[in-house]
C-alpha atoms as a PDB file:
ATOM      1  CA  MET A   1       5.365  21.682  34.179  1.00  0.00           C
ATOM      2  CA  ASN A   2       8.471  19.922  32.819  1.00  0.00           C
ATOM      3  CA  LYS A   3       7.156  16.236  34.291  1.00  0.00           C
ATOM      4  CA  MET A   4       4.094  16.630  32.809  1.00  0.00           C
ATOM      5  CA  ILE A   5       5.593  17.117  29.049  1.00  0.00           C
ATOM      6  CA  ARG A   6       7.883  14.388  29.886  1.00  0.00           C
ATOM      7  CA  ILE A   7       4.787  11.837  30.393  1.00  0.00           C
ATOM      8  CA  ALA A   8       3.191  13.348  27.663  1.00  0.00           C
ATOM      9  CA  SER A   9       5.665  12.729  25.623  1.00  0.00           C
ATOM     10  CA  LEU A  10       6.464   9.004  26.760  1.00  0.00           C
ATOM     11  CA  CYS A  11       2.392   8.406  26.035  1.00  0.00           C
ATOM     12  CA  ALA A  12       2.669   9.720  22.777  1.00  0.00           C
ATOM     13  CA  ILE A  13       5.859   7.640  22.102  1.00  0.00           C
ATOM     14  CA  LEU A  14       4.089   4.602  23.407  1.00  0.00           C
ATOM     15  CA  SER A  15       0.965   5.169  21.571  1.00  0.00           C
ATOM     16  CA  LEU A  16       2.668   5.436  18.086  1.00  0.00           C
ATOM     17  CA  ALA A  17       5.034   2.215  19.555  1.00  0.00           C
ATOM     18  CA  GLY A  18       1.734   0.635  19.497  1.00  0.00           C
ATOM     19  CA  CYS A  19       0.058   1.404  16.826  1.00  0.00           C
ATOM     20  CA  ALA A  20       3.326   0.695  14.503  1.00  0.00           C
ATOM     21  CA  GLY A  21       3.302  -2.542  13.454  1.00  0.00           C
ATOM     22  CA  PRO A  22       4.445  -4.159  10.043  1.00  0.00           C
ATOM     23  CA  ILE A  23       3.349  -1.553   7.376  1.00  0.00           C
ATOM     24  CA  PHE A  24       1.573  -3.492   5.059  1.00  0.00           C
ATOM     25  CA  LYS A  25       1.589  -2.522   1.044  1.00  0.00           C
ATOM     26  CA  GLU A  26      -1.249  -4.346   0.657  1.00  0.00           C
ATOM     27  CA  THR A  27      -3.701  -6.803   2.360  1.00  0.00           C
ATOM     28  CA  PRO A  28      -3.141 -10.357   0.512  1.00  0.00           C
ATOM     29  CA  LEU A  29      -5.943 -12.177  -1.072  1.00  0.00           C
ATOM     30  CA  VAL A  30      -7.359 -15.529  -0.281  1.00  0.00           C
ATOM     31  CA  ASP A  31      -5.429 -18.188  -3.158  1.00  0.00           C
ATOM     32  CA  ASP A  32      -2.474 -15.676  -3.307  1.00  0.00           C
ATOM     33  CA  PRO A  33       0.645 -18.146  -3.536  1.00  0.00           C
ATOM     34  CA  LEU A  34       3.376 -17.410  -0.669  1.00  0.00           C
ATOM     35  CA  ALA A  35       5.760 -15.279  -2.838  1.00  0.00           C
ATOM     36  CA  ALA A  36       2.634 -12.888  -3.113  1.00  0.00           C
ATOM     37  CA  VAL A  37       1.906 -13.046   0.634  1.00  0.00           C
ATOM     38  CA  THR A  38       5.443 -12.087   1.387  1.00  0.00           C
ATOM     39  CA  THR A  39       5.558  -9.380  -1.132  1.00  0.00           C
ATOM     40  CA  LYS A  40       2.451  -7.888   0.325  1.00  0.00           C
ATOM     41  CA  LEU A  41       3.061  -8.411   3.901  1.00  0.00           C
ATOM     42  CA  GLY A  42       6.997  -8.682   4.141  1.00  0.00           C
ATOM     43  CA  GLN A  43       9.009 -11.699   6.220  1.00  0.00           C
ATOM     44  CA  PRO A  44       6.801 -12.988   8.677  1.00  0.00           C
ATOM     45  CA  THR A  45       7.986 -13.213  12.508  1.00  0.00           C
ATOM     46  CA  ALA A  46       7.214 -16.922  13.125  1.00  0.00           C
ATOM     47  CA  VAL A  47       6.053 -19.413  11.080  1.00  0.00           C
ATOM     48  CA  TYR A  48       4.019 -22.281  12.757  1.00  0.00           C
ATOM     49  CA  PRO A  49       3.459 -25.630  11.003  1.00  0.00           C
ATOM     50  CA  LEU A  50       0.147 -27.351  11.468  1.00  0.00           C
ATOM     51  CA  PRO A  51      -0.328 -30.843  11.791  1.00  0.00           C
ATOM     52  CA  ASP A  52      -2.486 -30.964   8.249  1.00  0.00           C
ATOM     53  CA  GLY A  53       0.908 -29.926   6.497  1.00  0.00           C
ATOM     54  CA  SER A  54      -0.470 -26.256   6.495  1.00  0.00           C
ATOM     55  CA  ARG A  55       1.118 -23.488   8.193  1.00  0.00           C
ATOM     56  CA  ASN A  56       0.563 -20.143   9.921  1.00  0.00           C
ATOM     57  CA  LEU A  57       2.645 -16.794   9.129  1.00  0.00           C
ATOM     58  CA  GLU A  58       2.715 -14.709  12.456  1.00  0.00           C
ATOM     59  CA  TYR A  59       3.079 -11.020  11.581  1.00  0.00           C
ATOM     60  CA  ALA A  60       3.374  -9.715  15.295  1.00  0.00           C
ATOM     61  CA  THR A  61       3.877  -5.984  16.614  1.00  0.00           C
ATOM     62  CA  ALA A  62       4.509  -7.236  20.124  1.00  0.00           C
ATOM     63  CA  PRO A  63       6.150  -6.650  22.746  1.00  0.00           C
ATOM     64  CA  PHE A  64       4.487  -3.296  22.454  1.00  0.00           C
ATOM     65  CA  GLY A  65       1.903  -3.273  19.996  1.00  0.00           C
ATOM     66  CA  GLN A  66      -1.739  -4.968  20.439  1.00  0.00           C
ATOM     67  CA  PHE A  67      -2.083  -6.566  17.299  1.00  0.00           C
ATOM     68  CA  THR A  68      -0.949  -9.825  15.613  1.00  0.00           C
ATOM     69  CA  TRP A  69      -1.902 -11.046  12.037  1.00  0.00           C
ATOM     70  CA  MET A  70      -2.097 -14.784  11.030  1.00  0.00           C
ATOM     71  CA  ALA A  71      -1.753 -16.039   7.472  1.00  0.00           C
ATOM     72  CA  HIS A  72      -2.931 -19.325   7.285  1.00  0.00           C
ATOM     73  CA  MET A  73      -1.521 -21.027   4.179  1.00  0.00           C
ATOM     74  CA  SER A  74      -2.268 -24.335   2.350  1.00  0.00           C
ATOM     75  CA  PRO A  75      -0.164 -27.130   2.265  1.00  0.00           C
ATOM     76  CA  ASP A  76       0.515 -26.122  -1.336  1.00  0.00           C
ATOM     77  CA  GLY A  77       1.585 -22.861  -0.330  1.00  0.00           C
ATOM     78  CA  ARG A  78      -1.614 -20.881  -1.248  1.00  0.00           C
ATOM     79  CA  LEU A  79      -3.503 -18.426   1.181  1.00  0.00           C
ATOM     80  CA  LEU A  80      -6.741 -19.530   2.933  1.00  0.00           C
ATOM     81  CA  SER A  81      -6.986 -16.919   5.320  1.00  0.00           C
ATOM     82  CA  TYR A  82      -5.607 -13.832   7.002  1.00  0.00           C
ATOM     83  CA  GLU A  83      -6.833 -12.384  10.352  1.00  0.00           C
ATOM     84  CA  GLN A  84      -5.820 -10.136  13.333  1.00  0.00           C
ATOM     85  CA  VAL A  85      -5.769 -12.977  16.138  1.00  0.00           C
ATOM     86  CA  LEU A  86      -5.572 -10.878  19.239  1.00  0.00           C
ATOM     87  CA  THR A  87      -9.175 -10.644  19.995  1.00  0.00           C
ATOM     88  CA  GLY A  88     -11.331 -12.028  22.913  1.00  0.00           C
ATOM     89  CA  GLU A  89     -13.112 -14.304  20.367  1.00  0.00           C
ATOM     90  CA  LYS A  90      -9.839 -15.904  19.535  1.00  0.00           C
ATOM     91  CA  PHE A  91      -8.437 -16.369  23.113  1.00  0.00           C
ATOM     92  CA  ALA A  92     -11.919 -17.751  23.542  1.00  0.00           C
ATOM     93  CA  THR A  93     -11.162 -20.543  21.491  1.00  0.00           C
ATOM     94  CA  LEU A  94      -8.186 -21.544  23.743  1.00  0.00           C
ATOM     95  CA  LYS A  95      -9.323 -24.107  25.978  1.00  0.00           C
ATOM     96  CA  VAL A  96      -8.404 -24.587  29.682  1.00  0.00           C
ATOM     97  CA  ASP A  97      -6.740 -27.547  30.556  1.00  0.00           C
ATOM     98  CA  GLN A  98      -6.528 -28.906  26.789  1.00  0.00           C
ATOM     99  CA  ALA A  99      -4.430 -26.016  24.939  1.00  0.00           C
ATOM    100  CA  THR A 100      -0.867 -26.539  24.911  1.00  0.00           C
ATOM    101  CA  LYS A 101       1.843 -23.690  23.953  1.00  0.00           C
ATOM    102  CA  ASP A 102       2.071 -25.177  20.771  1.00  0.00           C
ATOM    103  CA  GLU A 103      -1.213 -24.913  20.071  1.00  0.00           C
ATOM    104  CA  VAL A 104      -1.233 -21.277  21.964  1.00  0.00           C
ATOM    105  CA  LEU A 105       1.717 -20.101  19.519  1.00  0.00           C
ATOM    106  CA  ARG A 106      -0.286 -21.395  16.320  1.00  0.00           C
ATOM    107  CA  THR A 107      -3.134 -19.618  17.159  1.00  0.00           C
ATOM    108  CA  ILE A 108      -2.636 -16.490  18.479  1.00  0.00           C
ATOM    109  CA  GLY A 109       1.241 -15.996  17.999  1.00  0.00           C
ATOM    110  CA  ARG A 110       4.255 -15.079  20.424  1.00  0.00           C
ATOM    111  CA  PRO A 111       3.613 -13.375  23.549  1.00  0.00           C
ATOM    112  CA  ALA A 112       4.345  -9.836  24.496  1.00  0.00           C
ATOM    113  CA  GLU A 113       5.665 -10.760  27.926  1.00  0.00           C
ATOM    114  CA  ILE A 114       6.672 -13.971  29.663  1.00  0.00           C
ATOM    115  CA  SER A 115       6.711 -14.298  33.503  1.00  0.00           C
ATOM    116  CA  ARG A 116       6.235 -16.739  36.485  1.00  0.00           C
ATOM    117  CA  VAL A 117       3.635 -17.286  39.085  1.00  0.00           C
ATOM    118  CA  HIS A 118       5.716 -19.140  41.684  1.00  0.00           C
ATOM    119  CA  LEU A 119       3.071 -20.157  44.023  1.00  0.00           C
ATOM    120  CA  ARG A 120       1.749 -22.511  41.577  1.00  0.00           C
ATOM    121  CA  ASN A 121       4.583 -22.993  39.279  1.00  0.00           C
ATOM    122  CA  TYR A 122       2.973 -22.007  36.195  1.00  0.00           C
ATOM    123  CA  GLU A 123       4.706 -19.596  33.342  1.00  0.00           C
ATOM    124  CA  VAL A 124       2.357 -16.850  32.290  1.00  0.00           C
ATOM    125  CA  TRP A 125       2.449 -15.186  28.792  1.00  0.00           C
ATOM    126  CA  SER A 126       0.884 -12.133  28.170  1.00  0.00           C
ATOM    127  CA  TYR A 127      -0.489 -10.870  25.724  1.00  0.00           C
ATOM    128  CA  ARG A 128      -1.556  -6.932  24.511  1.00  0.00           C
ATOM    129  CA  TYR A 129      -4.676  -6.496  22.608  1.00  0.00           C
ATOM    130  CA  LYS A 130      -7.895  -4.068  22.447  1.00  0.00           C
ATOM    131  CA  GLU A 131     -10.783  -5.944  24.375  1.00  0.00           C
ATOM    132  CA  ALA A 132     -13.948  -5.375  22.430  1.00  0.00           C
ATOM    133  CA  GLY A 133     -11.511  -3.168  20.128  1.00  0.00           C
ATOM    134  CA  VAL A 134     -11.773  -0.397  22.723  1.00  0.00           C
ATOM    135  CA  TRP A 135      -9.979  -1.024  26.161  1.00  0.00           C
ATOM    136  CA  ASN A 136      -6.018  -1.563  26.237  1.00  0.00           C
ATOM    137  CA  SER A 137      -5.952  -4.960  28.085  1.00  0.00           C
ATOM    138  CA  LEU A 138      -3.282  -7.894  28.750  1.00  0.00           C
ATOM    139  CA  MET A 139      -4.357 -11.329  28.332  1.00  0.00           C
ATOM    140  CA  HIS A 140      -2.556 -13.636  30.729  1.00  0.00           C
ATOM    141  CA  VAL A 141      -2.228 -17.497  29.577  1.00  0.00           C
ATOM    142  CA  HIS A 142      -1.112 -19.781  32.390  1.00  0.00           C
ATOM    143  CA  PHE A 143       0.732 -23.013  31.528  1.00  0.00           C
ATOM    144  CA  ASP A 144       1.760 -25.564  34.029  1.00  0.00           C
ATOM    145  CA  GLN A 145       4.902 -27.462  33.955  1.00  0.00           C
ATOM    146  CA  GLN A 146       3.917 -29.757  31.150  1.00  0.00           C
ATOM    147  CA  GLY A 147       2.885 -26.837  29.289  1.00  0.00           C
ATOM    148  CA  VAL A 148      -0.713 -27.070  29.329  1.00  0.00           C
ATOM    149  CA  VAL A 149      -3.268 -23.992  29.591  1.00  0.00           C
ATOM    150  CA  ARG A 150      -4.810 -23.860  33.088  1.00  0.00           C
ATOM    151  CA  GLN A 151      -5.988 -20.695  33.876  1.00  0.00           C
ATOM    152  CA  MET A 152      -6.732 -17.617  31.493  1.00  0.00           C
ATOM    153  CA  MET A 153      -7.287 -14.064  32.913  1.00  0.00           C
ATOM    154  CA  ASN A 154      -7.327 -10.654  31.489  1.00  0.00           C
ATOM    155  CA  GLY A 155      -7.129  -7.025  32.832  1.00  0.00           C
ATOM    156  CA  PRO A 156      -6.071  -3.368  31.919  1.00  0.00           C
ATOM    157  CA  ASP A 157      -2.619  -3.088  30.494  1.00  0.00           C
ATOM    158  CA  PRO A 158      -0.546  -1.230  33.154  1.00  0.00           C
ATOM    159  CA  MET A 159       1.867   0.037  29.892  1.00  0.00           C
ATOM    160  CA  PHE A 160      -1.523   2.598  29.326  1.00  0.00           C
ATOM    161  CA  ASP A 161      -2.009   3.357  32.817  1.00  0.00           C
ATOM    162  CA  VAL A 162      -1.116   6.795  33.823  1.00  0.00           C
ATOM    163  CA  ARG A 163       0.406   6.637  37.416  1.00  0.00           C
ATOM    164  CA  ASP A 164       0.921  10.210  38.601  1.00  0.00           C
ATOM    165  CA  ARG A 165      -2.179  12.270  37.871  1.00  0.00           C
ATOM    166  CA  LYS A 166      -1.657  15.101  39.802  1.00  0.00           C
ATOM    167  CA  GLY A 167      -2.607  18.271  37.945  1.00  0.00           C
ATOM    168  CA  TRP A 168      -4.571  16.266  35.186  1.00  0.00           C
END
């Protein structure tokens, strides 16, 4: 019984940690200046300059959260768009054999985990997300030694897998 209580408590904590992200006072509006965006959202977890002079402000909940928001700012410092980027649709915009680490960072932000596949000498960035808004998933983005995406695979997120189901 004690073990079940501990497992239930751990699941509750992980569940809350996954939901706990930036607590935004207010959603920013298109054309808000940078000062208004940071007042509403706080300081970004990262800033990614884009080739056209604009930049993406990252608001990540990783390593345990399943959401990353990007505020796309114009070169003159006004909000162009604001979206949650850890989605199947956004992952699909990353082209295998073309996208680079920099492009991945600018598009979907920092990963929750980094690992290696030694057989192919790939570096793997893993992102927690809700597949179709429902399933706890991990998207694994595999990079070669030149930093180019060579493979993308998704599957269930083991962080949410209950391993000991005896008595349930």
